[in-house]
PDB file of all heavy atoms in Angstrom:
ATOM      1  N   GLU A   1      99.187  93.568 106.014  1.00  0.00           N
ATOM      2  CA  GLU A   1      99.826  94.813 106.466  1.00  0.00           C
ATOM      3  C   GLU A   1     100.426  95.577 105.294  1.00  0.00           C
ATOM      4  O   GLU A   1     100.335  96.801 105.211  1.00  0.00           O
ATOM      5  CB  GLU A   1     100.910  94.506 107.498  1.00  0.00           C
ATOM      6  CG  GLU A   1     100.391  94.041 108.844  1.00  0.00           C
ATOM      7  CD  GLU A   1      99.640  95.139 109.589  1.00  0.00           C
ATOM      8  OE1 GLU A   1      99.798  96.329 109.238  1.00  0.00           O
ATOM      9  OE2 GLU A   1      98.887  94.806 110.514  1.00  0.00           O
ATOM     10  N   LYS A   2     101.036  94.851 104.374  1.00  0.00           N
ATOM     11  CA  LYS A   2     101.645  95.500 103.202  1.00  0.00           C
ATOM     12  C   LYS A   2     100.577  96.132 102.329  1.00  0.00           C
ATOM     13  O   LYS A   2     100.749  97.251 101.811  1.00  0.00           O
ATOM     14  CB  LYS A   2     102.467  94.476 102.412  1.00  0.00           C
ATOM     15  CG  LYS A   2     103.119  95.043 101.159  1.00  0.00           C
ATOM     16  CD  LYS A   2     104.175  94.098 100.598  1.00  0.00           C
ATOM     17  CE  LYS A   2     105.469  94.277 101.358  1.00  0.00           C
ATOM     18  NZ  LYS A   2     106.638  93.711 100.662  1.00  0.00           N
ATOM     19  N   ILE A   3      99.456  95.450 102.159  1.00  0.00           N
ATOM     20  CA  ILE A   3      98.342  96.004 101.380  1.00  0.00           C
ATOM     21  C   ILE A   3      97.816  97.279 102.030  1.00  0.00           C
ATOM     22  O   ILE A   3      97.628  98.313 101.366  1.00  0.00           O
ATOM     23  CB  ILE A   3      97.221  94.955 101.240  1.00  0.00           C
ATOM     24  CG1 ILE A   3      97.676  93.807 100.329  1.00  0.00           C
ATOM     25  CG2 ILE A   3      95.943  95.592 100.678  1.00  0.00           C
ATOM     26  CD1 ILE A   3      96.765  92.597 100.366  1.00  0.00           C
ATOM     27  N   LEU A   4      97.607  97.223 103.336  1.00  0.00           N
ATOM     28  CA  LEU A   4      97.054  98.394 104.035  1.00  0.00           C
ATOM     29  C   LEU A   4      98.032  99.570 104.021  1.00  0.00           C
ATOM     30  O   LEU A   4      97.616 100.725 103.903  1.00  0.00           O
ATOM     31  CB  LEU A   4      96.694  98.016 105.469  1.00  0.00           C
ATOM     32  CG  LEU A   4      95.507  97.057 105.611  1.00  0.00           C
ATOM     33  CD1 LEU A   4      95.340  96.630 107.070  1.00  0.00           C
ATOM     34  CD2 LEU A   4      94.222  97.692 105.089  1.00  0.00           C
ATOM     35  N   SER A   5      99.314  99.298 104.129  1.00  0.00           N
ATOM     36  CA  SER A   5     100.308 100.370 104.056  1.00  0.00           C
ATOM     37  C   SER A   5     100.280 101.048 102.689  1.00  0.00           C
ATOM     38  O   SER A   5     100.333 102.286 102.588  1.00  0.00           O
ATOM     39  CB  SER A   5     101.706  99.800 104.328  1.00  0.00           C
ATOM     40  OG  SER A   5     102.699 100.782 104.180  1.00  0.00           O
ATOM     41  N   ALA A   6     100.180 100.237 101.623  1.00  0.00           N
ATOM     42  CA  ALA A   6     100.105 100.801 100.269  1.00  0.00           C
ATOM     43  C   ALA A   6      98.813 101.583 100.078  1.00  0.00           C
ATOM     44  O   ALA A   6      98.798 102.633  99.408  1.00  0.00           O
ATOM     45  CB  ALA A   6     100.214  99.686  99.232  1.00  0.00           C
ATOM     46  N   VAL A   7      97.722 101.092 100.662  1.00  0.00           N
ATOM     47  CA  VAL A   7      96.448 101.810 100.580  1.00  0.00           C
ATOM     48  C   VAL A   7      96.571 103.189 101.197  1.00  0.00           C
ATOM     49  O   VAL A   7      96.118 104.203 100.625  1.00  0.00           O
ATOM     50  CB  VAL A   7      95.332 100.992 101.275  1.00  0.00           C
ATOM     51  CG1 VAL A   7      94.109 101.866 101.550  1.00  0.00           C
ATOM     52  CG2 VAL A   7      94.936  99.800 100.413  1.00  0.00           C
ATOM     53  N   GLU A   8      97.194 103.277 102.368  1.00  0.00           N
ATOM     54  CA  GLU A   8      97.354 104.577 103.032  1.00  0.00           C
ATOM     55  C   GLU A   8      98.235 105.513 102.211  1.00  0.00           C
ATOM     56  O   GLU A   8      97.967 106.713 102.111  1.00  0.00           O
ATOM     57  CB  GLU A   8      97.930 104.385 104.432  1.00  0.00           C
ATOM     58  CG  GLU A   8      96.962 103.760 105.405  1.00  0.00           C
ATOM     59  CD  GLU A   8      95.651 104.537 105.494  1.00  0.00           C
ATOM     60  OE1 GLU A   8      95.712 105.775 105.700  1.00  0.00           O
ATOM     61  OE2 GLU A   8      94.573 103.925 105.323  1.00  0.00           O
ATOM     62  N   GLN A   9      99.290 104.949 101.620  1.00  0.00           N
ATOM     63  CA  GLN A   9     100.166 105.765 100.779  1.00  0.00           C
ATOM     64  C   GLN A   9      99.416 106.290  99.557  1.00  0.00           C
ATOM     65  O   GLN A   9      99.552 107.462  99.176  1.00  0.00           O
ATOM     66  CB  GLN A   9     101.381 104.943 100.345  1.00  0.00           C
ATOM     67  CG  GLN A   9     102.417 105.741  99.563  1.00  0.00           C
ATOM     68  CD  GLN A   9     103.611 104.890  99.155  1.00  0.00           C
ATOM     69  OE1 GLN A   9     103.818 103.791  99.694  1.00  0.00           O
ATOM     70  NE2 GLN A   9     104.380 105.367  98.207  1.00  0.00           N
ATOM     71  N   ALA A  10      98.620 105.444  98.940  1.00  0.00           N
ATOM     72  CA  ALA A  10      97.846 105.862  97.763  1.00  0.00           C
ATOM     73  C   ALA A  10      96.805 106.910  98.135  1.00  0.00           C
ATOM     74  O   ALA A  10      96.575 107.876  97.383  1.00  0.00           O
ATOM     75  CB  ALA A  10      97.176 104.648  97.121  1.00  0.00           C
ATOM     76  N   LYS A  11      96.164 106.746  99.285  1.00  0.00           N
ATOM     77  CA  LYS A  11      95.196 107.747  99.750  1.00  0.00           C
ATOM     78  C   LYS A  11      95.879 109.098  99.972  1.00  0.00           C
ATOM     79  O   LYS A  11      95.332 110.154  99.612  1.00  0.00           O
ATOM     80  CB  LYS A  11      94.537 107.282 101.050  1.00  0.00           C
ATOM     81  CG  LYS A  11      93.479 106.212 100.855  1.00  0.00           C
ATOM     82  CD  LYS A  11      93.044 105.605 102.164  1.00  0.00           C
ATOM     83  CE  LYS A  11      92.425 106.644 103.101  1.00  0.00           C
ATOM     84  NZ  LYS A  11      91.945 106.014 104.357  1.00  0.00           N
ATOM     85  N   HIS A  12      97.081 109.065 100.544  1.00  0.00           N
ATOM     86  CA  HIS A  12      97.831 110.295 100.790  1.00  0.00           C
ATOM     87  C   HIS A  12      98.140 111.020  99.480  1.00  0.00           C
ATOM     88  O   HIS A  12      98.242 112.257  99.446  1.00  0.00           O
ATOM     89  CB  HIS A  12      99.116 109.966 101.542  1.00  0.00           C
ATOM     90  CG  HIS A  12      99.935 111.165 101.901  1.00  0.00           C
ATOM     91  ND1 HIS A  12      99.561 112.075 102.871  1.00  0.00           N
ATOM     92  CD2 HIS A  12     101.111 111.624 101.394  1.00  0.00           C
ATOM     93  CE1 HIS A  12     100.464 113.023 102.968  1.00  0.00           C
ATOM     94  NE2 HIS A  12     101.422 112.774 102.077  1.00  0.00           N
ATOM     95  N   GLN A  13      98.285 110.220  98.404  1.00  0.00           N
ATOM     96  CA  GLN A  13      98.577 110.804  97.085  1.00  0.00           C
ATOM     97  C   GLN A  13      97.292 111.049  96.282  1.00  0.00           C
ATOM     98  O   GLN A  13      97.355 111.332  95.091  1.00  0.00           O
ATOM     99  CB  GLN A  13      99.529 109.882  96.318  1.00  0.00           C
ATOM    100  CG  GLN A  13     100.891 109.718  96.994  1.00  0.00           C
ATOM    101  CD  GLN A  13     101.817 108.796  96.223  1.00  0.00           C
ATOM    102  OE1 GLN A  13     102.056 108.978  95.023  1.00  0.00           O
ATOM    103  NE2 GLN A  13     102.338 107.790  96.896  1.00  0.00           N
ATOM    104  N   HIS A  14      96.144 110.933  96.955  1.00  0.00           N
ATOM    105  CA  HIS A  14      94.841 111.266  96.371  1.00  0.00           C
ATOM    106  C   HIS A  14      94.446 110.341  95.224  1.00  0.00           C
ATOM    107  O   HIS A  14      93.779 110.777  94.267  1.00  0.00           O
ATOM    108  CB  HIS A  14      94.818 112.728  95.903  1.00  0.00           C
ATOM    109  CG  HIS A  14      95.243 113.691  96.970  1.00  0.00           C
ATOM    110  ND1 HIS A  14      94.495 113.917  98.112  1.00  0.00           N
ATOM    111  CD2 HIS A  14      96.353 114.469  97.081  1.00  0.00           C
ATOM    112  CE1 HIS A  14      95.129 114.797  98.878  1.00  0.00           C
ATOM    113  NE2 HIS A  14      96.251 115.143  98.284  1.00  0.00           N
ATOM    114  N   ALA A  15      94.832 109.064  95.321  1.00  0.00           N
ATOM    115  CA  ALA A  15      94.377 108.084  94.331  1.00  0.00           C
ATOM    116  C   ALA A  15      92.921 107.732  94.585  1.00  0.00           C
ATOM    117  O   ALA A  15      92.448 107.716  95.726  1.00  0.00           O
ATOM    118  CB  ALA A  15      95.237 106.834  94.388  1.00  0.00           C
ATOM    119  N   ASP A  16      92.210 107.429  93.519  1.00  0.00           N
ATOM    120  CA  ASP A  16      90.823 106.977  93.628  1.00  0.00           C
ATOM    121  C   ASP A  16      90.731 105.457  93.735  1.00  0.00           C
ATOM    122  O   ASP A  16      89.843 104.920  94.411  1.00  0.00           O
ATOM    123  CB  ASP A  16      90.024 107.437  92.400  1.00  0.00           C
ATOM    124  CG  ASP A  16      90.020 108.946  92.253  1.00  0.00           C
ATOM    125  OD1 ASP A  16      89.529 109.626  93.165  1.00  0.00           O
ATOM    126  OD2 ASP A  16      90.528 109.435  91.218  1.00  0.00           O
ATOM    127  N   VAL A  17      91.650 104.782  93.041  1.00  0.00           N
ATOM    128  CA  VAL A  17      91.655 103.312  92.990  1.00  0.00           C
ATOM    129  C   VAL A  17      93.101 102.855  93.145  1.00  0.00           C
ATOM    130  O   VAL A  17      94.020 103.478  92.618  1.00  0.00           O
ATOM    131  CB  VAL A  17      91.088 102.796  91.645  1.00  0.00           C
ATOM    132  CG1 VAL A  17      91.117 101.264  91.599  1.00  0.00           C
ATOM    133  CG2 VAL A  17      89.688 103.322  91.400  1.00  0.00           C
ATOM    134  N   ILE A  18      93.296 101.752  93.861  1.00  0.00           N
ATOM    135  CA  ILE A  18      94.615 101.123  93.923  1.00  0.00           C
ATOM    136  C   ILE A  18      94.452  99.657  93.534  1.00  0.00           C
ATOM    137  O   ILE A  18      93.530  98.975  93.992  1.00  0.00           O
ATOM    138  CB  ILE A  18      95.264 101.265  95.316  1.00  0.00           C
ATOM    139  CG1 ILE A  18      96.653 100.589  95.323  1.00  0.00           C
ATOM    140  CG2 ILE A  18      94.377 100.732  96.438  1.00  0.00           C
ATOM    141  CD1 ILE A  18      97.473 100.889  96.563  1.00  0.00           C
ATOM    142  N   VAL A  19      95.340  99.179  92.668  1.00  0.00           N
ATOM    143  CA  VAL A  19      95.250  97.821  92.126  1.00  0.00           C
ATOM    144  C   VAL A  19      96.470  97.023  92.580  1.00  0.00           C
ATOM    145  O   VAL A  19      97.615  97.483  92.417  1.00  0.00           O
ATOM    146  CB  VAL A  19      95.165  97.824  90.591  1.00  0.00           C
ATOM    147  CG1 VAL A  19      94.956  96.404  90.064  1.00  0.00           C
ATOM    148  CG2 VAL A  19      94.042  98.742  90.120  1.00  0.00           C
ATOM    149  N   PHE A  20      96.227  95.840  93.117  1.00  0.00           N
ATOM    150  CA  PHE A  20      97.279  94.959  93.610  1.00  0.00           C
ATOM    151  C   PHE A  20      97.428  93.750  92.685  1.00  0.00           C
ATOM    152  O   PHE A  20      96.566  93.485  91.849  1.00  0.00           O
ATOM    153  CB  PHE A  20      96.947  94.502  95.033  1.00  0.00           C
ATOM    154  CG  PHE A  20      97.022  95.599  96.056  1.00  0.00           C
ATOM    155  CD1 PHE A  20      95.904  96.368  96.352  1.00  0.00           C
ATOM    156  CD2 PHE A  20      98.220  95.869  96.709  1.00  0.00           C
ATOM    157  CE1 PHE A  20      95.967  97.385  97.291  1.00  0.00           C
ATOM    158  CE2 PHE A  20      98.291  96.882  97.646  1.00  0.00           C
ATOM    159  CZ  PHE A  20      97.178  97.648  97.943  1.00  0.00           C
ATOM    160  N   PRO A  21      98.492  92.963  92.865  1.00  0.00           N
ATOM    161  CA  PRO A  21      98.675  91.774  92.017  1.00  0.00           C
ATOM    162  C   PRO A  21      97.719  90.635  92.355  1.00  0.00           C
ATOM    163  O   PRO A  21      96.994  90.649  93.346  1.00  0.00           O
ATOM    164  CB  PRO A  21     100.131  91.366  92.309  1.00  0.00           C
ATOM    165  CG  PRO A  21     100.780  92.582  92.873  1.00  0.00           C
ATOM    166  CD  PRO A  21      99.696  93.281  93.637  1.00  0.00           C
ATOM    167  N   GLU A  22      97.776  89.612  91.524  1.00  0.00           N
ATOM    168  CA  GLU A  22      96.972  88.394  91.669  1.00  0.00           C
ATOM    169  C   GLU A  22      97.283  87.678  92.986  1.00  0.00           C
ATOM    170  O   GLU A  22      98.454  87.556  93.388  1.00  0.00           O
ATOM    171  CB  GLU A  22      97.297  87.472  90.481  1.00  0.00           C
ATOM    172  CG  GLU A  22      96.586  86.145  90.454  1.00  0.00           C
ATOM    173  CD  GLU A  22      96.959  85.328  89.214  1.00  0.00           C
ATOM    174  OE1 GLU A  22      97.877  85.738  88.463  1.00  0.00           O
ATOM    175  OE2 GLU A  22      96.325  84.284  88.992  1.00  0.00           O
ATOM    176  N   LEU A  23      96.248  87.199  93.675  1.00  0.00           N
ATOM    177  CA  LEU A  23      96.391  86.440  94.922  1.00  0.00           C
ATOM    178  C   LEU A  23      97.347  87.112  95.910  1.00  0.00           C
ATOM    179  O   LEU A  23      98.130  86.446  96.600  1.00  0.00           O
ATOM    180  CB  LEU A  23      96.841  85.003  94.633  1.00  0.00           C
ATOM    181  CG  LEU A  23      95.851  84.098  93.898  1.00  0.00           C
ATOM    182  CD1 LEU A  23      96.432  82.688  93.747  1.00  0.00           C
ATOM    183  CD2 LEU A  23      94.509  84.016  94.610  1.00  0.00           C
ATOM    184  N   CYS A  24      97.279  88.444  95.983  1.00  0.00           N
ATOM    185  CA  CYS A  24      98.210  89.164  96.854  1.00  0.00           C
ATOM    186  C   CYS A  24      97.992  88.848  98.326  1.00  0.00           C
ATOM    187  O   CYS A  24      98.931  88.939  99.131  1.00  0.00           O
ATOM    188  CB  CYS A  24      98.117  90.670  96.605  1.00  0.00           C
ATOM    189  SG  CYS A  24      96.470  91.372  96.837  1.00  0.00           S
ATOM    190  N   VAL A  25      96.795  88.472  98.719  1.00  0.00           N
ATOM    191  CA  VAL A  25      96.535  88.170 100.126  1.00  0.00           C
ATOM    192  C   VAL A  25      97.303  86.926 100.565  1.00  0.00           C
ATOM    193  O   VAL A  25      97.852  86.870 101.667  1.00  0.00           O
ATOM    194  CB  VAL A  25      95.025  88.003 100.382  1.00  0.00           C
ATOM    195  CG1 VAL A  25      94.766  87.586 101.830  1.00  0.00           C
ATOM    196  CG2 VAL A  25      94.284  89.293 100.066  1.00  0.00           C
ATOM    197  N   THR A  26      97.386  85.928  99.700  1.00  0.00           N
ATOM    198  CA  THR A  26      98.074  84.676 100.040  1.00  0.00           C
ATOM    199  C   THR A  26      99.510  84.637  99.551  1.00  0.00           C
ATOM    200  O   THR A  26     100.307  83.834 100.029  1.00  0.00           O
ATOM    201  CB  THR A  26      97.359  83.477  99.413  1.00  0.00           C
ATOM    202  OG1 THR A  26      97.331  83.639  97.984  1.00  0.00           O
ATOM    203  CG2 THR A  26      95.946  83.342  99.944  1.00  0.00           C
ATOM    204  N   GLY A  27      99.872  85.499  98.605  1.00  0.00           N
ATOM    205  CA  GLY A  27     101.117  85.322  97.870  1.00  0.00           C
ATOM    206  C   GLY A  27     100.909  84.305  96.766  1.00  0.00           C
ATOM    207  O   GLY A  27      99.985  83.474  96.815  1.00  0.00           O
ATOM    208  N   TYR A  28     101.759  84.369  95.739  1.00  0.00           N
ATOM    209  CA  TYR A  28     101.571  83.506  94.571  1.00  0.00           C
ATOM    210  C   TYR A  28     102.875  82.803  94.217  1.00  0.00           C
ATOM    211  O   TYR A  28     103.932  83.447  94.217  1.00  0.00           O
ATOM    212  CB  TYR A  28     101.104  84.337  93.369  1.00  0.00           C
ATOM    213  CG  TYR A  28     100.712  83.508  92.165  1.00  0.00           C
ATOM    214  CD1 TYR A  28      99.396  83.132  91.959  1.00  0.00           C
ATOM    215  CD2 TYR A  28     101.663  83.076  91.252  1.00  0.00           C
ATOM    216  CE1 TYR A  28      99.031  82.354  90.866  1.00  0.00           C
ATOM    217  CE2 TYR A  28     101.316  82.305  90.161  1.00  0.00           C
ATOM    218  CZ  TYR A  28     100.006  81.947  89.972  1.00  0.00           C
ATOM    219  OH  TYR A  28      99.643  81.169  88.888  1.00  0.00           O
ATOM    220  N   PRO A  29     102.842  81.500  93.905  1.00  0.00           N
ATOM    221  CA  PRO A  29     101.693  80.595  93.953  1.00  0.00           C
ATOM    222  C   PRO A  29     101.627  79.850  95.282  1.00  0.00           C
ATOM    223  O   PRO A  29     102.634  79.306  95.739  1.00  0.00           O
ATOM    224  CB  PRO A  29     101.993  79.616  92.817  1.00  0.00           C
ATOM    225  CG  PRO A  29     103.499  79.528  92.789  1.00  0.00           C
ATOM    226  CD  PRO A  29     104.005  80.881  93.216  1.00  0.00           C
ATOM    227  N   PRO A  30     100.457  79.766  95.897  1.00  0.00           N
ATOM    228  CA  PRO A  30     100.345  79.036  97.158  1.00  0.00           C
ATOM    229  C   PRO A  30     100.330  77.532  97.009  1.00  0.00           C
ATOM    230  O   PRO A  30     100.400  76.800  97.993  1.00  0.00           O
ATOM    231  CB  PRO A  30      99.027  79.558  97.745  1.00  0.00           C
ATOM    232  CG  PRO A  30      98.243  80.035  96.575  1.00  0.00           C
ATOM    233  CD  PRO A  30      99.236  80.495  95.543  1.00  0.00           C
ATOM    234  N   GLU A  31     100.196  77.042  95.797  1.00  0.00           N
ATOM    235  CA  GLU A  31     100.232  75.614  95.487  1.00  0.00           C
ATOM    236  C   GLU A  31      99.265  74.822  96.389  1.00  0.00           C
ATOM    237  O   GLU A  31      98.136  75.244  96.606  1.00  0.00           O
ATOM    238  CB  GLU A  31     101.678  75.108  95.553  1.00  0.00           C
ATOM    239  CG  GLU A  31     102.585  75.837  94.553  1.00  0.00           C
ATOM    240  CD  GLU A  31     103.986  75.304  94.508  1.00  0.00           C
ATOM    241  OE1 GLU A  31     104.830  75.723  95.333  1.00  0.00           O
ATOM    242  OE2 GLU A  31     104.247  74.469  93.629  1.00  0.00           O
ATOM    243  N   ASP A  32      99.710  73.695  96.946  1.00  0.00           N
ATOM    244  CA  ASP A  32      98.771  72.818  97.653  1.00  0.00           C
ATOM    245  C   ASP A  32      98.326  73.347  99.013  1.00  0.00           C
ATOM    246  O   ASP A  32      97.485  72.716  99.672  1.00  0.00           O
ATOM    247  CB  ASP A  32      99.377  71.426  97.828  1.00  0.00           C
ATOM    248  CG  ASP A  32      99.202  70.560  96.585  1.00  0.00           C
ATOM    249  OD1 ASP A  32      98.784  71.104  95.546  1.00  0.00           O
ATOM    250  OD2 ASP A  32      99.484  69.348  96.642  1.00  0.00           O
ATOM    251  N   LEU A  33      98.845  74.489  99.430  1.00  0.00           N
ATOM    252  CA  LEU A  33      98.248  75.149 100.593  1.00  0.00           C
ATOM    253  C   LEU A  33      96.771  75.441 100.337  1.00  0.00           C
ATOM    254  O   LEU A  33      95.969  75.516 101.272  1.00  0.00           O
ATOM    255  CB  LEU A  33      98.992  76.443 100.911  1.00  0.00           C
ATOM    256  CG  LEU A  33     100.403  76.298 101.501  1.00  0.00           C
ATOM    257  CD1 LEU A  33     101.079  77.660 101.553  1.00  0.00           C
ATOM    258  CD2 LEU A  33     100.360  75.657 102.882  1.00  0.00           C
ATOM    259  N   LEU A  34      96.423  75.603  99.071  1.00  0.00           N
ATOM    260  CA  LEU A  34      95.031  75.879  98.714  1.00  0.00           C
ATOM    261  C   LEU A  34      94.114  74.693  98.996  1.00  0.00           C
ATOM    262  O   LEU A  34      92.887  74.847  98.982  1.00  0.00           O
ATOM    263  CB  LEU A  34      94.940  76.264  97.235  1.00  0.00           C
ATOM    264  CG  LEU A  34      95.570  77.604  96.852  1.00  0.00           C
ATOM    265  CD1 LEU A  34      95.718  77.719  95.347  1.00  0.00           C
ATOM    266  CD2 LEU A  34      94.754  78.759  97.409  1.00  0.00           C
TER     267      LEU A  34
END
C-alpha cells in the first residue's frame, strides 16, 4: 500500500521513474523469515 501510494504521488508530479529501497516489499532485514 505504501509503495502504491508513493507511485500515485509520483505520477501526480509527472515523474517518469520512481525508485524504492532494497527489499521494500518485505522490509529489511527479513532475516530467517526468508
